[in-house]
PDB file of N, CA and C in Angstrom:
ATOM      1  N   MET A   1       0.829  -1.196   0.000  1.00  0.00           N
ATOM      2  CA  MET A   1       0.000   0.000   0.000  1.00  0.00           C
ATOM      3  C   MET A   1       0.875   1.262   0.000  1.00  0.00           C
ATOM      4  N   GLN A   2       1.938   1.251   0.776  1.00  0.00           N
ATOM      5  CA  GLN A   2       2.839   2.397   0.866  1.00  0.00           C
ATOM      6  C   GLN A   2       3.494   2.691  -0.483  1.00  0.00           C
ATOM      7  N   ASP A   3       3.863   1.637  -1.218  1.00  0.00           N
ATOM      8  CA  ASP A   3       4.475   1.831  -2.534  1.00  0.00           C
ATOM      9  C   ASP A   3       3.509   2.506  -3.500  1.00  0.00           C
ATOM     10  N   MET A   4       2.247   2.141  -3.423  1.00  0.00           N
ATOM     11  CA  MET A   4       1.238   2.739  -4.295  1.00  0.00           C
ATOM     12  C   MET A   4       1.075   4.224  -3.981  1.00  0.00           C
ATOM     13  N   GLN A   5       1.108   4.583  -2.711  1.00  0.00           N
ATOM     14  CA  GLN A   5       0.980   5.990  -2.324  1.00  0.00           C
ATOM     15  C   GLN A   5       2.161   6.803  -2.834  1.00  0.00           C
ATOM     16  N   VAL A   6       3.360   6.251  -2.726  1.00  0.00           N
ATOM     17  CA  VAL A   6       4.549   6.948  -3.218  1.00  0.00           C
ATOM     18  C   VAL A   6       4.474   7.094  -4.735  1.00  0.00           C
ATOM     19  N   PHE A   7       4.059   6.056  -5.420  1.00  0.00           N
ATOM     20  CA  PHE A   7       3.935   6.095  -6.882  1.00  0.00           C
ATOM     21  C   PHE A   7       2.912   7.143  -7.313  1.00  0.00           C
ATOM     22  N   LEU A   8       1.754   7.143  -6.662  1.00  0.00           N
ATOM     23  CA  LEU A   8       0.715   8.118  -7.025  1.00  0.00           C
ATOM     24  C   LEU A   8       1.165   9.543  -6.734  1.00  0.00           C
ATOM     25  N   THR A   9       1.870   9.746  -5.635  1.00  0.00           N
ATOM     26  CA  THR A   9       2.368  11.077  -5.305  1.00  0.00           C
ATOM     27  C   THR A   9       3.358  11.562  -6.362  1.00  0.00           C
ATOM     28  N   ALA A  10       4.260  10.686  -6.771  1.00  0.00           N
ATOM     29  CA  ALA A  10       5.232  11.057  -7.806  1.00  0.00           C
ATOM     30  C   ALA A  10       4.530  11.326  -9.141  1.00  0.00           C
ATOM     31  N   LEU A  11       3.555  10.499  -9.481  1.00  0.00           N
ATOM     32  CA  LEU A  11       2.822  10.678 -10.731  1.00  0.00           C
ATOM     33  C   LEU A  11       2.029  11.985 -10.721  1.00  0.00           C
ATOM     34  N   ILE A  12       1.448  12.330  -9.585  1.00  0.00           N
ATOM     35  CA  ILE A  12       0.736  13.600  -9.467  1.00  0.00           C
ATOM     36  C   ILE A  12       1.702  14.768  -9.669  1.00  0.00           C
ATOM     37  N   GLY A  13       2.885  14.657  -9.106  1.00  0.00           N
ATOM     38  CA  GLY A  13       3.893  15.703  -9.297  1.00  0.00           C
ATOM     39  C   GLY A  13       4.279  15.871 -10.761  1.00  0.00           C
ATOM     40  N   VAL A  14       4.464  14.765 -11.456  1.00  0.00           N
ATOM     41  CA  VAL A  14       4.807  14.805 -12.877  1.00  0.00           C
ATOM     42  C   VAL A  14       3.666  15.440 -13.674  1.00  0.00           C
ATOM     43  N   LEU A  15       2.435  15.053 -13.369  1.00  0.00           N
ATOM     44  CA  LEU A  15       1.287  15.618 -14.081  1.00  0.00           C
ATOM     45  C   LEU A  15       1.126  17.110 -13.800  1.00  0.00           C
ATOM     46  N   LEU A  16       1.408  17.528 -12.577  1.00  0.00           N
ATOM     47  CA  LEU A  16       1.346  18.960 -12.263  1.00  0.00           C
ATOM     48  C   LEU A  16       2.377  19.748 -13.075  1.00  0.00           C
ATOM     49  N   LEU A  17       3.582  19.207 -13.176  1.00  0.00           N
ATOM     50  CA  LEU A  17       4.609  19.877 -13.971  1.00  0.00           C
ATOM     51  C   LEU A  17       4.251  19.890 -15.454  1.00  0.00           C
ATOM     52  N   ALA A  18       3.671  18.798 -15.946  1.00  0.00           N
ATOM     53  CA  ALA A  18       3.248  18.747 -17.342  1.00  0.00           C
ATOM     54  C   ALA A  18       2.146  19.762 -17.611  1.00  0.00           C
ATOM     55  N   THR A  19       1.212  19.880 -16.684  1.00  0.00           N
ATOM     56  CA  THR A  19       0.136  20.872 -16.821  1.00  0.00           C
ATOM     57  C   THR A  19       0.719  22.280 -16.844  1.00  0.00           C
ATOM     58  N   LEU A  20       1.656  22.549 -15.980  1.00  0.00           N
ATOM     59  CA  LEU A  20       2.294  23.863 -15.945  1.00  0.00           C
ATOM     60  C   LEU A  20       3.020  24.140 -17.260  1.00  0.00           C
ATOM     61  N   GLY A  21       3.717  23.146 -17.792  1.00  0.00           N
ATOM     62  CA  GLY A  21       4.422  23.313 -19.058  1.00  0.00           C
ATOM     63  C   GLY A  21       3.480  23.625 -20.206  1.00  0.00           C
ATOM     64  N   VAL A  22       2.366  22.897 -20.277  1.00  0.00           N
ATOM     65  CA  VAL A  22       1.387  23.141 -21.337  1.00  0.00           C
ATOM     66  C   VAL A  22       0.750  24.517 -21.161  1.00  0.00           C
ATOM     67  N   LEU A  23       0.481  24.908 -19.928  1.00  0.00           N
ATOM     68  CA  LEU A  23      -0.096  26.224 -19.656  1.00  0.00           C
ATOM     69  C   LEU A  23       0.849  27.338 -20.111  1.00  0.00           C
ATOM     70  N   ILE A  24       2.113  27.210 -19.778  1.00  0.00           N
ATOM     71  CA  ILE A  24       3.094  28.221 -20.180  1.00  0.00           C
ATOM     72  C   ILE A  24       3.240  28.257 -21.700  1.00  0.00           C
ATOM     73  N   ALA A  25       3.275  27.090 -22.341  1.00  0.00           N
ATOM     74  CA  ALA A  25       3.369  27.043 -23.806  1.00  0.00           C
ATOM     75  C   ALA A  25       2.160  27.728 -24.440  1.00  0.00           C
ATOM     76  N   GLY A  26       0.990  27.534 -23.872  1.00  0.00           N
ATOM     77  CA  GLY A  26      -0.207  28.177 -24.388  1.00  0.00           C
ATOM     78  C   GLY A  26      -0.168  29.685 -24.212  1.00  0.00           C
ATOM     79  N   MET A  27       0.334  30.133 -23.079  1.00  0.00           N
ATOM     80  CA  MET A  27       0.422  31.568 -22.828  1.00  0.00           C
ATOM     81  C   MET A  27       1.430  32.226 -23.774  1.00  0.00           C
ATOM     82  N   VAL A  28       2.555  31.576 -23.975  1.00  0.00           N
ATOM     83  CA  VAL A  28       3.559  32.099 -24.910  1.00  0.00           C
ATOM     84  C   VAL A  28       2.973  32.148 -26.315  1.00  0.00           C
ATOM     85  N   GLY A  29       2.226  31.129 -26.697  1.00  0.00           N
ATOM     86  CA  GLY A  29       1.592  31.113 -28.002  1.00  0.00           C
ATOM     87  C   GLY A  29       0.579  32.228 -28.170  1.00  0.00           C
ATOM     88  N   MET A  30      -0.154  32.536 -27.106  1.00  0.00           N
ATOM     89  CA  MET A  30      -1.129  33.626 -27.184  1.00  0.00           C
ATOM     90  C   MET A  30      -0.431  34.967 -27.349  1.00  0.00           C
ATOM     91  N   VAL A  31       0.679  35.160 -26.645  1.00  0.00           N
ATOM     92  CA  VAL A  31       1.417  36.422 -26.747  1.00  0.00           C
ATOM     93  C   VAL A  31       1.995  36.584 -28.154  1.00  0.00           C
ATOM     94  N   ARG A  32       2.504  35.515 -28.713  1.00  0.00           N
ATOM     95  CA  ARG A  32       3.098  35.567 -30.055  1.00  0.00           C
ATOM     96  C   ARG A  32       2.048  35.505 -31.160  1.00  0.00           C
ATOM     97  N   GLU A  33       0.807  35.235 -30.780  1.00  0.00           N
ATOM     98  CA  GLU A  33      -0.303  35.132 -31.728  1.00  0.00           C
ATOM     99  C   GLU A  33      -0.011  34.135 -32.842  1.00  0.00           C
ATOM    100  N   THR A  34       0.302  32.917 -32.436  1.00  0.00           N
ATOM    101  CA  THR A  34       0.569  31.856 -33.411  1.00  0.00           C
ATOM    102  C   THR A  34      -0.746  31.229 -33.873  1.00  0.00           C
ATOM    103  N   ASP A  35      -0.655  30.070 -34.462  1.00  0.00           N
ATOM    104  CA  ASP A  35      -1.798  29.351 -35.017  1.00  0.00           C
ATOM    105  C   ASP A  35      -2.866  29.097 -33.943  1.00  0.00           C
ATOM    106  N   PRO A  36      -4.117  29.529 -34.175  1.00  0.00           N
ATOM    107  CA  PRO A  36      -5.174  29.305 -33.168  1.00  0.00           C
ATOM    108  C   PRO A  36      -5.487  27.825 -32.950  1.00  0.00           C
ATOM    109  N   ARG A  37      -5.257  26.997 -33.966  1.00  0.00           N
ATOM    110  CA  ARG A  37      -5.503  25.549 -33.781  1.00  0.00           C
ATOM    111  C   ARG A  37      -4.527  24.959 -32.766  1.00  0.00           C
ATOM    112  N   ARG A  38      -3.294  25.441 -32.792  1.00  0.00           N
ATOM    113  CA  ARG A  38      -2.302  24.968 -31.816  1.00  0.00           C
ATOM    114  C   ARG A  38      -2.697  25.401 -30.413  1.00  0.00           C
ATOM    115  N   SER A  39      -3.167  26.620 -30.303  1.00  0.00           N
ATOM    116  CA  SER A  39      -3.619  27.138 -29.013  1.00  0.00           C
ATOM    117  C   SER A  39      -4.779  26.309 -28.476  1.00  0.00           C
ATOM    118  N   ASN A  40      -5.700  25.954 -29.356  1.00  0.00           N
ATOM    119  CA  ASN A  40      -6.847  25.141 -28.968  1.00  0.00           C
ATOM    120  C   ASN A  40      -6.401  23.748 -28.522  1.00  0.00           C
ATOM    121  N   LYS A  41      -5.444  23.171 -29.236  1.00  0.00           N
ATOM    122  CA  LYS A  41      -4.941  21.836 -28.886  1.00  0.00           C
ATOM    123  C   LYS A  41      -4.244  21.871 -27.527  1.00  0.00           C
ATOM    124  N   LEU A  42      -3.488  22.935 -27.265  1.00  0.00           N
ATOM    125  CA  LEU A  42      -2.832  23.066 -25.966  1.00  0.00           C
ATOM    126  C   LEU A  42      -3.861  23.196 -24.846  1.00  0.00           C
ATOM    127  N   MET A  43      -4.938  23.917 -25.111  1.00  0.00           N
ATOM    128  CA  MET A  43      -6.014  24.057 -24.117  1.00  0.00           C
ATOM    129  C   MET A  43      -6.629  22.692 -23.822  1.00  0.00           C
ATOM    130  N   GLN A  44      -6.847  21.892 -24.862  1.00  0.00           N
ATOM    131  CA  GLN A  44      -7.403  20.550 -24.664  1.00  0.00           C
ATOM    132  C   GLN A  44      -6.463  19.693 -23.816  1.00  0.00           C
ATOM    133  N   TRP A  45      -5.169  19.748 -24.112  1.00  0.00           N
ATOM    134  CA  TRP A  45      -4.199  18.971 -23.337  1.00  0.00           C
ATOM    135  C   TRP A  45      -4.153  19.428 -21.887  1.00  0.00           C
ATOM    136  N   ARG A  46      -4.255  20.748 -21.673  1.00  0.00           N
ATOM    137  CA  ARG A  46      -4.244  21.258 -20.300  1.00  0.00           C
ATOM    138  C   ARG A  46      -5.428  20.727 -19.509  1.00  0.00           C
ATOM    139  N   VAL A  47      -6.596  20.729 -20.123  1.00  0.00           N
ATOM    140  CA  VAL A  47      -7.799  20.235 -19.447  1.00  0.00           C
ATOM    141  C   VAL A  47      -7.664  18.738 -19.151  1.00  0.00           C
ATOM    142  N   ILE A  48      -7.149  17.974 -20.107  1.00  0.00           N
ATOM    143  CA  ILE A  48      -6.956  16.530 -19.904  1.00  0.00           C
ATOM    144  C   ILE A  48      -5.979  16.274 -18.766  1.00  0.00           C
ATOM    145  N   LEU A  49      -4.852  16.985 -18.769  1.00  0.00           N
ATOM    146  CA  LEU A  49      -3.849  16.792 -17.712  1.00  0.00           C
ATOM    147  C   LEU A  49      -4.392  17.196 -16.344  1.00  0.00           C
ATOM    148  N   GLN A  50      -5.155  18.278 -16.289  1.00  0.00           N
ATOM    149  CA  GLN A  50      -5.753  18.687 -15.018  1.00  0.00           C
ATOM    150  C   GLN A  50      -6.744  17.637 -14.522  1.00  0.00           C
ATOM    151  N   GLY A  51      -7.535  17.094 -15.427  1.00  0.00           N
ATOM    152  CA  GLY A  51      -8.498  16.058 -15.047  1.00  0.00           C
ATOM    153  C   GLY A  51      -7.803  14.818 -14.504  1.00  0.00           C
ATOM    154  N   MET A  52      -6.729  14.401 -15.188  1.00  0.00           N
ATOM    155  CA  MET A  52      -5.983  13.234 -14.718  1.00  0.00           C
ATOM    156  C   MET A  52      -5.370  13.493 -13.348  1.00  0.00           C
ATOM    157  N   THR A  53      -4.851  14.696 -13.149  1.00  0.00           N
ATOM    158  CA  THR A  53      -4.242  15.045 -11.863  1.00  0.00           C
ATOM    159  C   THR A  53      -5.275  15.000 -10.743  1.00  0.00           C
ATOM    160  N   ILE A  54      -6.436  15.579 -10.984  1.00  0.00           N
ATOM    161  CA  ILE A  54      -7.494  15.590  -9.966  1.00  0.00           C
ATOM    162  C   ILE A  54      -7.964  14.174  -9.664  1.00  0.00           C
ATOM    163  N   LEU A  55      -8.126  13.363 -10.700  1.00  0.00           N
ATOM    164  CA  LEU A  55      -8.555  11.974 -10.500  1.00  0.00           C
ATOM    165  C   LEU A  55      -7.546  11.205  -9.646  1.00  0.00           C
ATOM    166  N   LEU A  56      -6.269  11.330  -9.965  1.00  0.00           N
ATOM    167  CA  LEU A  56      -5.254  10.632  -9.176  1.00  0.00           C
ATOM    168  C   LEU A  56      -5.176  11.174  -7.753  1.00  0.00           C
ATOM    169  N   PHE A  57      -5.395  12.474  -7.592  1.00  0.00           N
ATOM    170  CA  PHE A  57      -5.397  13.062  -6.255  1.00  0.00           C
ATOM    171  C   PHE A  57      -6.538  12.494  -5.415  1.00  0.00           C
ATOM    172  N   VAL A  58      -7.711  12.350  -6.029  1.00  0.00           N
ATOM    173  CA  VAL A  58      -8.858  11.769  -5.314  1.00  0.00           C
ATOM    174  C   VAL A  58      -8.558  10.315  -4.935  1.00  0.00           C
ATOM    175  N   ILE A  59      -7.952   9.567  -5.839  1.00  0.00           N
ATOM    176  CA  ILE A  59      -7.603   8.172  -5.552  1.00  0.00           C
ATOM    177  C   ILE A  59      -6.609   8.120  -4.390  1.00  0.00           C
ATOM    178  N   LEU A  60      -5.596   9.008  -4.424  1.00  0.00           N
ATOM    179  CA  LEU A  60      -4.601   9.039  -3.358  1.00  0.00           C
ATOM    180  C   LEU A  60      -5.246   9.370  -2.010  1.00  0.00           C
ATOM    181  N   MET A  61      -6.139  10.346  -2.006  1.00  0.00           N
ATOM    182  CA  MET A  61      -6.806  10.717  -0.753  1.00  0.00           C
ATOM    183  C   MET A  61      -7.668   9.565  -0.232  1.00  0.00           C
ATOM    184  N   THR A  62      -8.298   8.827  -1.137  1.00  0.00           N
ATOM    185  CA  THR A  62      -9.086   7.671  -0.737  1.00  0.00           C
ATOM    186  C   THR A  62      -8.206   6.594  -0.109  1.00  0.00           C
ATOM    187  N   LEU A  63      -7.027   6.369  -0.699  1.00  0.00           N
ATOM    188  CA  LEU A  63      -6.089   5.382  -0.133  1.00  0.00           C
ATOM    189  C   LEU A  63      -5.583   5.822   1.240  1.00  0.00           C
ATOM    190  N   LEU A  64      -5.354   7.105   1.404  1.00  0.00           N
ATOM    191  CA  LEU A  64      -4.846   7.594   2.685  1.00  0.00           C
ATOM    192  C   LEU A  64      -5.870   7.536   3.800  1.00  0.00           C
ATOM    193  N   ARG A  65      -7.144   7.594   3.436  1.00  0.00           N
ATOM    194  CA  ARG A  65      -8.213   7.511   4.455  1.00  0.00           C
ATOM    195  C   ARG A  65      -8.307   6.127   5.070  1.00  0.00           C
ATOM    196  N   SER A  66      -7.997   5.108   4.287  1.00  0.00           N
ATOM    197  CA  SER A  66      -8.173   3.736   4.802  1.00  0.00           C
ATOM    198  C   SER A  66      -6.963   3.209   5.517  1.00  0.00           C
TER     199      SER A  66
END
């Protein structure tokens, strides 16, 4: 059980950094006014990464309660 908690914590950290990277890339793209399709794709990836992070966080909190 302890190994799973450590794994989920590390995975959440990686997903948080990935979300931050996609967010920054999207902001830089907006400032440079690049292709709107790329901006839209980055927004989709950000939402997906945030959803995965929240889901894993809920799973981790559930494991910690028991």
